[in-house]
mmCIF file of all heavy atoms, coordinates in Angstrom:
data_MODEL
# 
_entry.id   MODEL 
# 
loop_
_atom_site.group_PDB 
_atom_site.id 
_atom_site.type_symbol 
_atom_site.label_atom_id 
_atom_site.label_alt_id 
_atom_site.label_comp_id 
_atom_site.label_asym_id 
_atom_site.label_entity_id 
_atom_site.label_seq_id 
_atom_site.pdbx_PDB_ins_code 
_atom_site.Cartn_x 
_atom_site.Cartn_y 
_atom_site.Cartn_z 
_atom_site.occupancy 
_atom_site.B_iso_or_equiv 
_atom_site.pdbx_formal_charge 
_atom_site.auth_seq_id 
_atom_site.auth_comp_id 
_atom_site.auth_asym_id 
_atom_site.auth_atom_id 
_atom_site.pdbx_PDB_model_num 
ATOM 1   N N   . PRO A 1 1  ? 8.027  -86.579 -23.930 1.00 0.00 ? 1  PRO A N   1 
ATOM 2   C CA  . PRO A 1 1  ? 7.183  -87.647 -23.394 1.00 0.00 ? 1  PRO A CA  1 
ATOM 3   C C   . PRO A 1 1  ? 7.252  -87.637 -21.868 1.00 0.00 ? 1  PRO A C   1 
ATOM 4   O O   . PRO A 1 1  ? 8.325  -87.410 -21.299 1.00 0.00 ? 1  PRO A O   1 
ATOM 5   C CB  . PRO A 1 1  ? 7.823  -88.918 -23.965 1.00 0.00 ? 1  PRO A CB  1 
ATOM 6   C CG  . PRO A 1 1  ? 9.273  -88.562 -24.099 1.00 0.00 ? 1  PRO A CG  1 
ATOM 7   C CD  . PRO A 1 1  ? 9.319  -87.081 -24.410 1.00 0.00 ? 1  PRO A CD  1 
ATOM 8   N N   . THR A 1 2  ? 6.122  -87.839 -21.207 1.00 0.00 ? 2  THR A N   1 
ATOM 9   C CA  . THR A 1 2  ? 6.117  -87.778 -19.739 1.00 0.00 ? 2  THR A CA  1 
ATOM 10  C C   . THR A 1 2  ? 5.295  -88.891 -19.107 1.00 0.00 ? 2  THR A C   1 
ATOM 11  O O   . THR A 1 2  ? 4.363  -89.419 -19.708 1.00 0.00 ? 2  THR A O   1 
ATOM 12  C CB  . THR A 1 2  ? 5.547  -86.429 -19.239 1.00 0.00 ? 2  THR A CB  1 
ATOM 13  O OG1 . THR A 1 2  ? 4.199  -86.281 -19.721 1.00 0.00 ? 2  THR A OG1 1 
ATOM 14  C CG2 . THR A 1 2  ? 6.382  -85.253 -19.700 1.00 0.00 ? 2  THR A CG2 1 
ATOM 15  N N   . LEU A 1 3  ? 5.660  -89.199 -17.881 1.00 0.00 ? 3  LEU A N   1 
ATOM 16  C CA  . LEU A 1 3  ? 4.867  -90.053 -16.991 1.00 0.00 ? 3  LEU A CA  1 
ATOM 17  C C   . LEU A 1 3  ? 5.311  -89.728 -15.563 1.00 0.00 ? 3  LEU A C   1 
ATOM 18  O O   . LEU A 1 3  ? 6.425  -90.059 -15.169 1.00 0.00 ? 3  LEU A O   1 
ATOM 19  C CB  . LEU A 1 3  ? 5.084  -91.540 -17.295 1.00 0.00 ? 3  LEU A CB  1 
ATOM 20  C CG  . LEU A 1 3  ? 4.366  -92.505 -16.328 1.00 0.00 ? 3  LEU A CG  1 
ATOM 21  C CD1 . LEU A 1 3  ? 2.848  -92.301 -16.395 1.00 0.00 ? 3  LEU A CD1 1 
ATOM 22  C CD2 . LEU A 1 3  ? 4.723  -93.961 -16.626 1.00 0.00 ? 3  LEU A CD2 1 
ATOM 23  N N   . ASN A 1 4  ? 4.456  -89.027 -14.842 1.00 0.00 ? 4  ASN A N   1 
ATOM 24  C CA  . ASN A 1 4  ? 4.734  -88.653 -13.453 1.00 0.00 ? 4  ASN A CA  1 
ATOM 25  C C   . ASN A 1 4  ? 6.071  -87.912 -13.313 1.00 0.00 ? 4  ASN A C   1 
ATOM 26  O O   . ASN A 1 4  ? 6.990  -88.362 -12.636 1.00 0.00 ? 4  ASN A O   1 
ATOM 27  C CB  . ASN A 1 4  ? 4.713  -89.892 -12.555 1.00 0.00 ? 4  ASN A CB  1 
ATOM 28  C CG  . ASN A 1 4  ? 3.359  -90.591 -12.561 1.00 0.00 ? 4  ASN A CG  1 
ATOM 29  O OD1 . ASN A 1 4  ? 2.318  -89.934 -12.653 1.00 0.00 ? 4  ASN A OD1 1 
ATOM 30  N ND2 . ASN A 1 4  ? 3.371  -91.914 -12.495 1.00 0.00 ? 4  ASN A ND2 1 
ATOM 31  N N   . GLU A 1 5  ? 6.142  -86.773 -13.956 1.00 0.00 ? 5  GLU A N   1 
ATOM 32  C CA  . GLU A 1 5  ? 7.389  -86.004 -14.009 1.00 0.00 ? 5  GLU A CA  1 
ATOM 33  C C   . GLU A 1 5  ? 7.311  -84.688 -13.224 1.00 0.00 ? 5  GLU A C   1 
ATOM 34  O O   . GLU A 1 5  ? 8.026  -83.741 -13.537 1.00 0.00 ? 5  GLU A O   1 
ATOM 35  C CB  . GLU A 1 5  ? 7.747  -85.702 -15.469 1.00 0.00 ? 5  GLU A CB  1 
ATOM 36  C CG  . GLU A 1 5  ? 8.057  -86.911 -16.310 1.00 0.00 ? 5  GLU A CG  1 
ATOM 37  C CD  . GLU A 1 5  ? 9.413  -87.527 -16.000 1.00 0.00 ? 5  GLU A CD  1 
ATOM 38  O OE1 . GLU A 1 5  ? 10.083 -87.045 -15.066 1.00 0.00 ? 5  GLU A OE1 1 
ATOM 39  O OE2 . GLU A 1 5  ? 9.794  -88.488 -16.687 1.00 0.00 ? 5  GLU A OE2 1 
ATOM 40  N N   . GLU A 1 6  ? 6.466  -84.618 -12.212 1.00 0.00 ? 6  GLU A N   1 
ATOM 41  C CA  . GLU A 1 6  ? 6.295  -83.355 -11.497 1.00 0.00 ? 6  GLU A CA  1 
ATOM 42  C C   . GLU A 1 6  ? 7.574  -82.887 -10.797 1.00 0.00 ? 6  GLU A C   1 
ATOM 43  O O   . GLU A 1 6  ? 7.743  -81.691 -10.547 1.00 0.00 ? 6  GLU A O   1 
ATOM 44  C CB  . GLU A 1 6  ? 5.162  -83.453 -10.464 1.00 0.00 ? 6  GLU A CB  1 
ATOM 45  C CG  . GLU A 1 6  ? 5.441  -84.376 -9.292  1.00 0.00 ? 6  GLU A CG  1 
ATOM 46  C CD  . GLU A 1 6  ? 4.315  -84.370 -8.272  1.00 0.00 ? 6  GLU A CD  1 
ATOM 47  O OE1 . GLU A 1 6  ? 3.266  -83.761 -8.531  1.00 0.00 ? 6  GLU A OE1 1 
ATOM 48  O OE2 . GLU A 1 6  ? 4.490  -84.988 -7.195  1.00 0.00 ? 6  GLU A OE2 1 
ATOM 49  N N   . ARG A 1 7  ? 8.490  -83.776 -10.526 1.00 0.00 ? 7  ARG A N   1 
ATOM 50  C CA  . ARG A 1 7  ? 9.726  -83.387 -9.857  1.00 0.00 ? 7  ARG A CA  1 
ATOM 51  C C   . ARG A 1 7  ? 10.700 -82.713 -10.822 1.00 0.00 ? 7  ARG A C   1 
ATOM 52  O O   . ARG A 1 7  ? 11.320 -81.699 -10.490 1.00 0.00 ? 7  ARG A O   1 
ATOM 53  C CB  . ARG A 1 7  ? 10.410 -84.609 -9.226  1.00 0.00 ? 7  ARG A CB  1 
ATOM 54  C CG  . ARG A 1 7  ? 11.589 -84.231 -8.334  1.00 0.00 ? 7  ARG A CG  1 
ATOM 55  C CD  . ARG A 1 7  ? 12.342 -85.445 -7.854  1.00 0.00 ? 7  ARG A CD  1 
ATOM 56  N NE  . ARG A 1 7  ? 13.150 -86.035 -8.921  1.00 0.00 ? 7  ARG A NE  1 
ATOM 57  C CZ  . ARG A 1 7  ? 14.017 -87.031 -8.745  1.00 0.00 ? 7  ARG A CZ  1 
ATOM 58  N NH1 . ARG A 1 7  ? 14.144 -87.584 -7.558  1.00 0.00 ? 7  ARG A NH1 1 
ATOM 59  N NH2 . ARG A 1 7  ? 14.715 -87.505 -9.754  1.00 0.00 ? 7  ARG A NH2 1 
ATOM 60  N N   . ASP A 1 8  ? 10.863 -83.277 -12.020 1.00 0.00 ? 8  ASP A N   1 
ATOM 61  C CA  . ASP A 1 8  ? 11.883 -82.790 -12.952 1.00 0.00 ? 8  ASP A CA  1 
ATOM 62  C C   . ASP A 1 8  ? 11.370 -81.794 -13.980 1.00 0.00 ? 8  ASP A C   1 
ATOM 63  O O   . ASP A 1 8  ? 12.116 -80.908 -14.417 1.00 0.00 ? 8  ASP A O   1 
ATOM 64  C CB  . ASP A 1 8  ? 12.531 -83.967 -13.693 1.00 0.00 ? 8  ASP A CB  1 
ATOM 65  C CG  . ASP A 1 8  ? 13.349 -84.844 -12.769 1.00 0.00 ? 8  ASP A CG  1 
ATOM 66  O OD1 . ASP A 1 8  ? 14.210 -84.297 -12.069 1.00 0.00 ? 8  ASP A OD1 1 
ATOM 67  O OD2 . ASP A 1 8  ? 13.136 -86.066 -12.749 1.00 0.00 ? 8  ASP A OD2 1 
ATOM 68  N N   . LEU A 1 9  ? 10.114 -81.930 -14.384 1.00 0.00 ? 9  LEU A N   1 
ATOM 69  C CA  . LEU A 1 9  ? 9.587  -81.112 -15.477 1.00 0.00 ? 9  LEU A CA  1 
ATOM 70  C C   . LEU A 1 9  ? 9.689  -79.601 -15.215 1.00 0.00 ? 9  LEU A C   1 
ATOM 71  O O   . LEU A 1 9  ? 9.987  -78.845 -16.154 1.00 0.00 ? 9  LEU A O   1 
ATOM 72  C CB  . LEU A 1 9  ? 8.140  -81.503 -15.783 1.00 0.00 ? 9  LEU A CB  1 
ATOM 73  C CG  . LEU A 1 9  ? 7.517  -80.868 -17.029 1.00 0.00 ? 9  LEU A CG  1 
ATOM 74  C CD1 . LEU A 1 9  ? 8.308  -81.202 -18.281 1.00 0.00 ? 9  LEU A CD1 1 
ATOM 75  C CD2 . LEU A 1 9  ? 6.063  -81.334 -17.184 1.00 0.00 ? 9  LEU A CD2 1 
ATOM 76  N N   . PRO A 1 10 ? 9.452  -79.116 -13.990 1.00 0.00 ? 10 PRO A N   1 
ATOM 77  C CA  . PRO A 1 10 ? 9.533  -77.661 -13.777 1.00 0.00 ? 10 PRO A CA  1 
ATOM 78  C C   . PRO A 1 10 ? 10.877 -77.054 -14.158 1.00 0.00 ? 10 PRO A C   1 
ATOM 79  O O   . PRO A 1 10 ? 10.919 -75.931 -14.679 1.00 0.00 ? 10 PRO A O   1 
ATOM 80  C CB  . PRO A 1 10 ? 9.260  -77.514 -12.269 1.00 0.00 ? 10 PRO A CB  1 
ATOM 81  C CG  . PRO A 1 10 ? 8.400  -78.693 -11.936 1.00 0.00 ? 10 PRO A CG  1 
ATOM 82  C CD  . PRO A 1 10 ? 8.945  -79.811 -12.783 1.00 0.00 ? 10 PRO A CD  1 
ATOM 83  N N   . GLU A 1 11 ? 11.964 -77.780 -13.936 1.00 0.00 ? 11 GLU A N   1 
ATOM 84  C CA  . GLU A 1 11 ? 13.279 -77.225 -14.260 1.00 0.00 ? 11 GLU A CA  1 
ATOM 85  C C   . GLU A 1 11 ? 13.476 -77.120 -15.768 1.00 0.00 ? 11 GLU A C   1 
ATOM 86  O O   . GLU A 1 11 ? 14.030 -76.131 -16.267 1.00 0.00 ? 11 GLU A O   1 
ATOM 87  C CB  . GLU A 1 11 ? 14.394 -78.051 -13.624 1.00 0.00 ? 11 GLU A CB  1 
ATOM 88  C CG  . GLU A 1 11 ? 15.729 -77.347 -13.625 1.00 0.00 ? 11 GLU A CG  1 
ATOM 89  C CD  . GLU A 1 11 ? 16.769 -77.998 -12.733 1.00 0.00 ? 11 GLU A CD  1 
ATOM 90  O OE1 . GLU A 1 11 ? 16.485 -79.059 -12.139 1.00 0.00 ? 11 GLU A OE1 1 
ATOM 91  O OE2 . GLU A 1 11 ? 17.879 -77.441 -12.647 1.00 0.00 ? 11 GLU A OE2 1 
ATOM 92  N N   . LEU A 1 12 ? 13.003 -78.117 -16.509 1.00 0.00 ? 12 LEU A N   1 
ATOM 93  C CA  . LEU A 1 12 ? 13.071 -78.027 -17.965 1.00 0.00 ? 12 LEU A CA  1 
ATOM 94  C C   . LEU A 1 12 ? 12.210 -76.872 -18.456 1.00 0.00 ? 12 LEU A C   1 
ATOM 95  O O   . LEU A 1 12 ? 12.637 -76.088 -19.319 1.00 0.00 ? 12 LEU A O   1 
ATOM 96  C CB  . LEU A 1 12 ? 12.614 -79.335 -18.613 1.00 0.00 ? 12 LEU A CB  1 
ATOM 97  C CG  . LEU A 1 12 ? 12.426 -79.308 -20.138 1.00 0.00 ? 12 LEU A CG  1 
ATOM 98  C CD1 . LEU A 1 12 ? 13.698 -78.870 -20.853 1.00 0.00 ? 12 LEU A CD1 1 
ATOM 99  C CD2 . LEU A 1 12 ? 11.951 -80.662 -20.651 1.00 0.00 ? 12 LEU A CD2 1 
ATOM 100 N N   . MET A 1 13 ? 11.005 -76.759 -17.917 1.00 0.00 ? 13 MET A N   1 
ATOM 101 C CA  . MET A 1 13 ? 10.114 -75.676 -18.334 1.00 0.00 ? 13 MET A CA  1 
ATOM 102 C C   . MET A 1 13 ? 10.722 -74.310 -18.036 1.00 0.00 ? 13 MET A C   1 
ATOM 103 O O   . MET A 1 13 ? 10.598 -73.375 -18.834 1.00 0.00 ? 13 MET A O   1 
ATOM 104 C CB  . MET A 1 13 ? 8.754  -75.833 -17.641 1.00 0.00 ? 13 MET A CB  1 
ATOM 105 C CG  . MET A 1 13 ? 7.929  -76.992 -18.159 1.00 0.00 ? 13 MET A CG  1 
ATOM 106 S SD  . MET A 1 13 ? 7.524  -76.805 -19.920 1.00 0.00 ? 13 MET A SD  1 
ATOM 107 C CE  . MET A 1 13 ? 6.515  -78.257 -20.190 1.00 0.00 ? 13 MET A CE  1 
ATOM 108 N N   . ALA A 1 14 ? 11.388 -74.196 -16.903 1.00 0.00 ? 14 ALA A N   1 
ATOM 109 C CA  . ALA A 1 14 ? 12.036 -72.930 -16.557 1.00 0.00 ? 14 ALA A CA  1 
ATOM 110 C C   . ALA A 1 14 ? 13.148 -72.603 -17.543 1.00 0.00 ? 14 ALA A C   1 
ATOM 111 O O   . ALA A 1 14 ? 13.320 -71.445 -17.953 1.00 0.00 ? 14 ALA A O   1 
ATOM 112 C CB  . ALA A 1 14 ? 12.585 -72.992 -15.135 1.00 0.00 ? 14 ALA A CB  1 
ATOM 113 N N   . SER A 1 15 ? 13.897 -73.618 -17.954 1.00 0.00 ? 15 SER A N   1 
ATOM 114 C CA  . SER A 1 15 ? 14.988 -73.366 -18.908 1.00 0.00 ? 15 SER A CA  1 
ATOM 115 C C   . SER A 1 15 ? 14.444 -73.050 -20.296 1.00 0.00 ? 15 SER A C   1 
ATOM 116 O O   . SER A 1 15 ? 15.076 -72.323 -21.065 1.00 0.00 ? 15 SER A O   1 
ATOM 117 C CB  . SER A 1 15 ? 15.960 -74.554 -18.949 1.00 0.00 ? 15 SER A CB  1 
ATOM 118 O OG  . SER A 1 15 ? 15.388 -75.686 -19.568 1.00 0.00 ? 15 SER A OG  1 
ATOM 119 N N   . LEU A 1 16 ? 13.266 -73.561 -20.635 1.00 0.00 ? 16 LEU A N   1 
ATOM 120 C CA  . LEU A 1 16 ? 12.630 -73.206 -21.907 1.00 0.00 ? 16 LEU A CA  1 
ATOM 121 C C   . LEU A 1 16 ? 12.097 -71.775 -21.862 1.00 0.00 ? 16 LEU A C   1 
ATOM 122 O O   . LEU A 1 16 ? 12.201 -71.025 -22.835 1.00 0.00 ? 16 LEU A O   1 
ATOM 123 C CB  . LEU A 1 16 ? 11.501 -74.186 -22.239 1.00 0.00 ? 16 LEU A CB  1 
ATOM 124 C CG  . LEU A 1 16 ? 11.931 -75.597 -22.647 1.00 0.00 ? 16 LEU A CG  1 
ATOM 125 C CD1 . LEU A 1 16 ? 10.726 -76.515 -22.757 1.00 0.00 ? 16 LEU A CD1 1 
ATOM 126 C CD2 . LEU A 1 16 ? 12.692 -75.566 -23.964 1.00 0.00 ? 16 LEU A CD2 1 
ATOM 127 N N   . ALA A 1 17 ? 11.534 -71.394 -20.725 1.00 0.00 ? 17 ALA A N   1 
ATOM 128 C CA  . ALA A 1 17 ? 11.016 -70.034 -20.574 1.00 0.00 ? 17 ALA A CA  1 
ATOM 129 C C   . ALA A 1 17 ? 12.124 -68.990 -20.683 1.00 0.00 ? 17 ALA A C   1 
ATOM 130 O O   . ALA A 1 17 ? 11.880 -67.849 -21.084 1.00 0.00 ? 17 ALA A O   1 
ATOM 131 C CB  . ALA A 1 17 ? 10.299 -69.895 -19.233 1.00 0.00 ? 17 ALA A CB  1 
ATOM 132 N N   . ALA A 1 18 ? 13.354 -69.402 -20.345 1.00 0.00 ? 18 ALA A N   1 
ATOM 133 C CA  . ALA A 1 18 ? 14.490 -68.477 -20.358 1.00 0.00 ? 18 ALA A CA  1 
ATOM 134 C C   . ALA A 1 18 ? 15.202 -68.413 -21.710 1.00 0.00 ? 18 ALA A C   1 
ATOM 135 O O   . ALA A 1 18 ? 16.165 -67.657 -21.866 1.00 0.00 ? 18 ALA A O   1 
ATOM 136 C CB  . ALA A 1 18 ? 15.489 -68.882 -19.272 1.00 0.00 ? 18 ALA A CB  1 
ATOM 137 N N   . GLN A 1 19 ? 14.738 -69.170 -22.695 1.00 0.00 ? 19 GLN A N   1 
ATOM 138 C CA  . GLN A 1 19 ? 15.420 -69.212 -23.988 1.00 0.00 ? 19 GLN A CA  1 
ATOM 139 C C   . GLN A 1 19 ? 15.399 -67.850 -24.682 1.00 0.00 ? 19 GLN A C   1 
ATOM 140 O O   . GLN A 1 19 ? 14.374 -67.169 -24.716 1.00 0.00 ? 19 GLN A O   1 
ATOM 141 C CB  . GLN A 1 19 ? 14.788 -70.258 -24.903 1.00 0.00 ? 19 GLN A CB  1 
ATOM 142 C CG  . GLN A 1 19 ? 15.002 -71.695 -24.472 1.00 0.00 ? 19 GLN A CG  1 
ATOM 143 C CD  . GLN A 1 19 ? 16.468 -72.079 -24.468 1.00 0.00 ? 19 GLN A CD  1 
ATOM 144 O OE1 . GLN A 1 19 ? 17.164 -72.002 -25.476 1.00 0.00 ? 19 GLN A OE1 1 
ATOM 145 N NE2 . GLN A 1 19 ? 16.943 -72.502 -23.298 1.00 0.00 ? 19 GLN A NE2 1 
ATOM 146 N N   . THR A 1 20 ? 16.517 -67.490 -25.280 1.00 0.00 ? 20 THR A N   1 
ATOM 147 C CA  . THR A 1 20 ? 16.591 -66.242 -26.032 1.00 0.00 ? 20 THR A CA  1 
ATOM 148 C C   . THR A 1 20 ? 15.867 -66.369 -27.370 1.00 0.00 ? 20 THR A C   1 
ATOM 149 O O   . THR A 1 20 ? 15.365 -65.384 -27.903 1.00 0.00 ? 20 THR A O   1 
ATOM 150 C CB  . THR A 1 20 ? 18.054 -65.846 -26.281 1.00 0.00 ? 20 THR A CB  1 
ATOM 151 O OG1 . THR A 1 20 ? 18.730 -66.916 -26.960 1.00 0.00 ? 20 THR A OG1 1 
ATOM 152 C CG2 . THR A 1 20 ? 18.768 -65.571 -24.956 1.00 0.00 ? 20 THR A CG2 1 
ATOM 153 N N   . PHE A 1 21 ? 15.798 -67.558 -27.920 1.00 0.00 ? 21 PHE A N   1 
ATOM 154 C CA  . PHE A 1 21 ? 15.066 -67.860 -29.156 1.00 0.00 ? 21 PHE A CA  1 
ATOM 155 C C   . PHE A 1 21 ? 13.628 -68.192 -28.765 1.00 0.00 ? 21 PHE A C   1 
ATOM 156 O O   . PHE A 1 21 ? 13.404 -69.031 -27.879 1.00 0.00 ? 21 PHE A O   1 
ATOM 157 C CB  . PHE A 1 21 ? 15.730 -69.044 -29.863 1.00 0.00 ? 21 PHE A CB  1 
ATOM 158 C CG  . PHE A 1 21 ? 15.054 -69.474 -31.137 1.00 0.00 ? 21 PHE A CG  1 
ATOM 159 C CD1 . PHE A 1 21 ? 15.452 -68.939 -32.352 1.00 0.00 ? 21 PHE A CD1 1 
ATOM 160 C CD2 . PHE A 1 21 ? 14.041 -70.421 -31.125 1.00 0.00 ? 21 PHE A CD2 1 
ATOM 161 C CE1 . PHE A 1 21 ? 14.848 -69.342 -33.537 1.00 0.00 ? 21 PHE A CE1 1 
ATOM 162 C CE2 . PHE A 1 21 ? 13.431 -70.824 -32.297 1.00 0.00 ? 21 PHE A CE2 1 
ATOM 163 C CZ  . PHE A 1 21 ? 13.835 -70.282 -33.514 1.00 0.00 ? 21 PHE A CZ  1 
ATOM 164 N N   . ARG A 1 22 ? 12.643 -67.563 -29.402 1.00 0.00 ? 22 ARG A N   1 
ATOM 165 C CA  . ARG A 1 22 ? 11.268 -67.692 -28.939 1.00 0.00 ? 22 ARG A CA  1 
ATOM 166 C C   . ARG A 1 22 ? 10.311 -68.353 -29.935 1.00 0.00 ? 22 ARG A C   1 
ATOM 167 O O   . ARG A 1 22 ? 9.145  -68.583 -29.584 1.00 0.00 ? 22 ARG A O   1 
ATOM 168 C CB  . ARG A 1 22 ? 10.710 -66.307 -28.583 1.00 0.00 ? 22 ARG A CB  1 
ATOM 169 C CG  . ARG A 1 22 ? 11.493 -65.540 -27.543 1.00 0.00 ? 22 ARG A CG  1 
ATOM 170 C CD  . ARG A 1 22 ? 11.686 -66.313 -26.247 1.00 0.00 ? 22 ARG A CD  1 
ATOM 171 N NE  . ARG A 1 22 ? 10.444 -66.827 -25.701 1.00 0.00 ? 22 ARG A NE  1 
ATOM 172 C CZ  . ARG A 1 22 ? 10.369 -67.748 -24.740 1.00 0.00 ? 22 ARG A CZ  1 
ATOM 173 N NH1 . ARG A 1 22 ? 11.470 -68.280 -24.242 1.00 0.00 ? 22 ARG A NH1 1 
ATOM 174 N NH2 . ARG A 1 22 ? 9.212  -68.157 -24.281 1.00 0.00 ? 22 ARG A NH2 1 
ATOM 175 N N   . ASP A 1 23 ? 10.755 -68.663 -31.142 1.00 0.00 ? 23 ASP A N   1 
ATOM 176 C CA  . ASP A 1 23 ? 9.836  -69.191 -32.157 1.00 0.00 ? 23 ASP A CA  1 
ATOM 177 C C   . ASP A 1 23 ? 9.669  -70.708 -32.001 1.00 0.00 ? 23 ASP A C   1 
ATOM 178 O O   . ASP A 1 23 ? 10.099 -71.491 -32.839 1.00 0.00 ? 23 ASP A O   1 
ATOM 179 C CB  . ASP A 1 23 ? 10.343 -68.840 -33.554 1.00 0.00 ? 23 ASP A CB  1 
ATOM 180 C CG  . ASP A 1 23 ? 9.324  -69.150 -34.646 1.00 0.00 ? 23 ASP A CG  1 
ATOM 181 O OD1 . ASP A 1 23 ? 8.136  -69.366 -34.313 1.00 0.00 ? 23 ASP A OD1 1 
ATOM 182 O OD2 . ASP A 1 23 ? 9.713  -69.189 -35.832 1.00 0.00 ? 23 ASP A OD2 1 
ATOM 183 N N   . PHE A 1 24 ? 9.061  -71.095 -30.896 1.00 0.00 ? 24 PHE A N   1 
ATOM 184 C CA  . PHE A 1 24 ? 8.862  -72.530 -30.643 1.00 0.00 ? 24 PHE A CA  1 
ATOM 185 C C   . PHE A 1 24 ? 7.551  -72.783 -29.913 1.00 0.00 ? 24 PHE A C   1 
ATOM 186 O O   . PHE A 1 24 ? 6.975  -71.885 -29.300 1.00 0.00 ? 24 PHE A O   1 
ATOM 187 C CB  . PHE A 1 24 ? 10.038 -73.113 -29.844 1.00 0.00 ? 24 PHE A CB  1 
ATOM 188 C CG  . PHE A 1 24 ? 10.169 -72.599 -28.429 1.00 0.00 ? 24 PHE A CG  1 
ATOM 189 C CD1 . PHE A 1 24 ? 9.523  -73.233 -27.376 1.00 0.00 ? 24 PHE A CD1 1 
ATOM 190 C CD2 . PHE A 1 24 ? 10.948 -71.483 -28.141 1.00 0.00 ? 24 PHE A CD2 1 
ATOM 191 C CE1 . PHE A 1 24 ? 9.644  -72.769 -26.068 1.00 0.00 ? 24 PHE A CE1 1 
ATOM 192 C CE2 . PHE A 1 24 ? 11.086 -71.001 -26.852 1.00 0.00 ? 24 PHE A CE2 1 
ATOM 193 C CZ  . PHE A 1 24 ? 10.428 -71.651 -25.802 1.00 0.00 ? 24 PHE A CZ  1 
ATOM 194 N N   . GLU A 1 25 ? 7.114  -74.016 -30.006 1.00 0.00 ? 25 GLU A N   1 
ATOM 195 C CA  . GLU A 1 25 ? 5.969  -74.508 -29.243 1.00 0.00 ? 25 GLU A CA  1 
ATOM 196 C C   . GLU A 1 25 ? 6.423  -75.686 -28.406 1.00 0.00 ? 25 GLU A C   1 
ATOM 197 O O   . GLU A 1 25 ? 7.448  -76.322 -28.702 1.00 0.00 ? 25 GLU A O   1 
ATOM 198 C CB  . GLU A 1 25 ? 4.832  -74.942 -30.177 1.00 0.00 ? 25 GLU A CB  1 
ATOM 199 C CG  . GLU A 1 25 ? 5.203  -76.122 -31.078 1.00 0.00 ? 25 GLU A CG  1 
ATOM 200 C CD  . GLU A 1 25 ? 4.044  -76.634 -31.925 1.00 0.00 ? 25 GLU A CD  1 
ATOM 201 O OE1 . GLU A 1 25 ? 2.883  -76.290 -31.633 1.00 0.00 ? 25 GLU A OE1 1 
ATOM 202 O OE2 . GLU A 1 25 ? 4.310  -77.428 -32.864 1.00 0.00 ? 25 GLU A OE2 1 
# 
């Protein structure tokens, strides 16, 4: 869930992009 998260969201997205497990949306 988000509301004006441009400061924090990129770091979460980066950690998701780095996941070794890939079967997710």
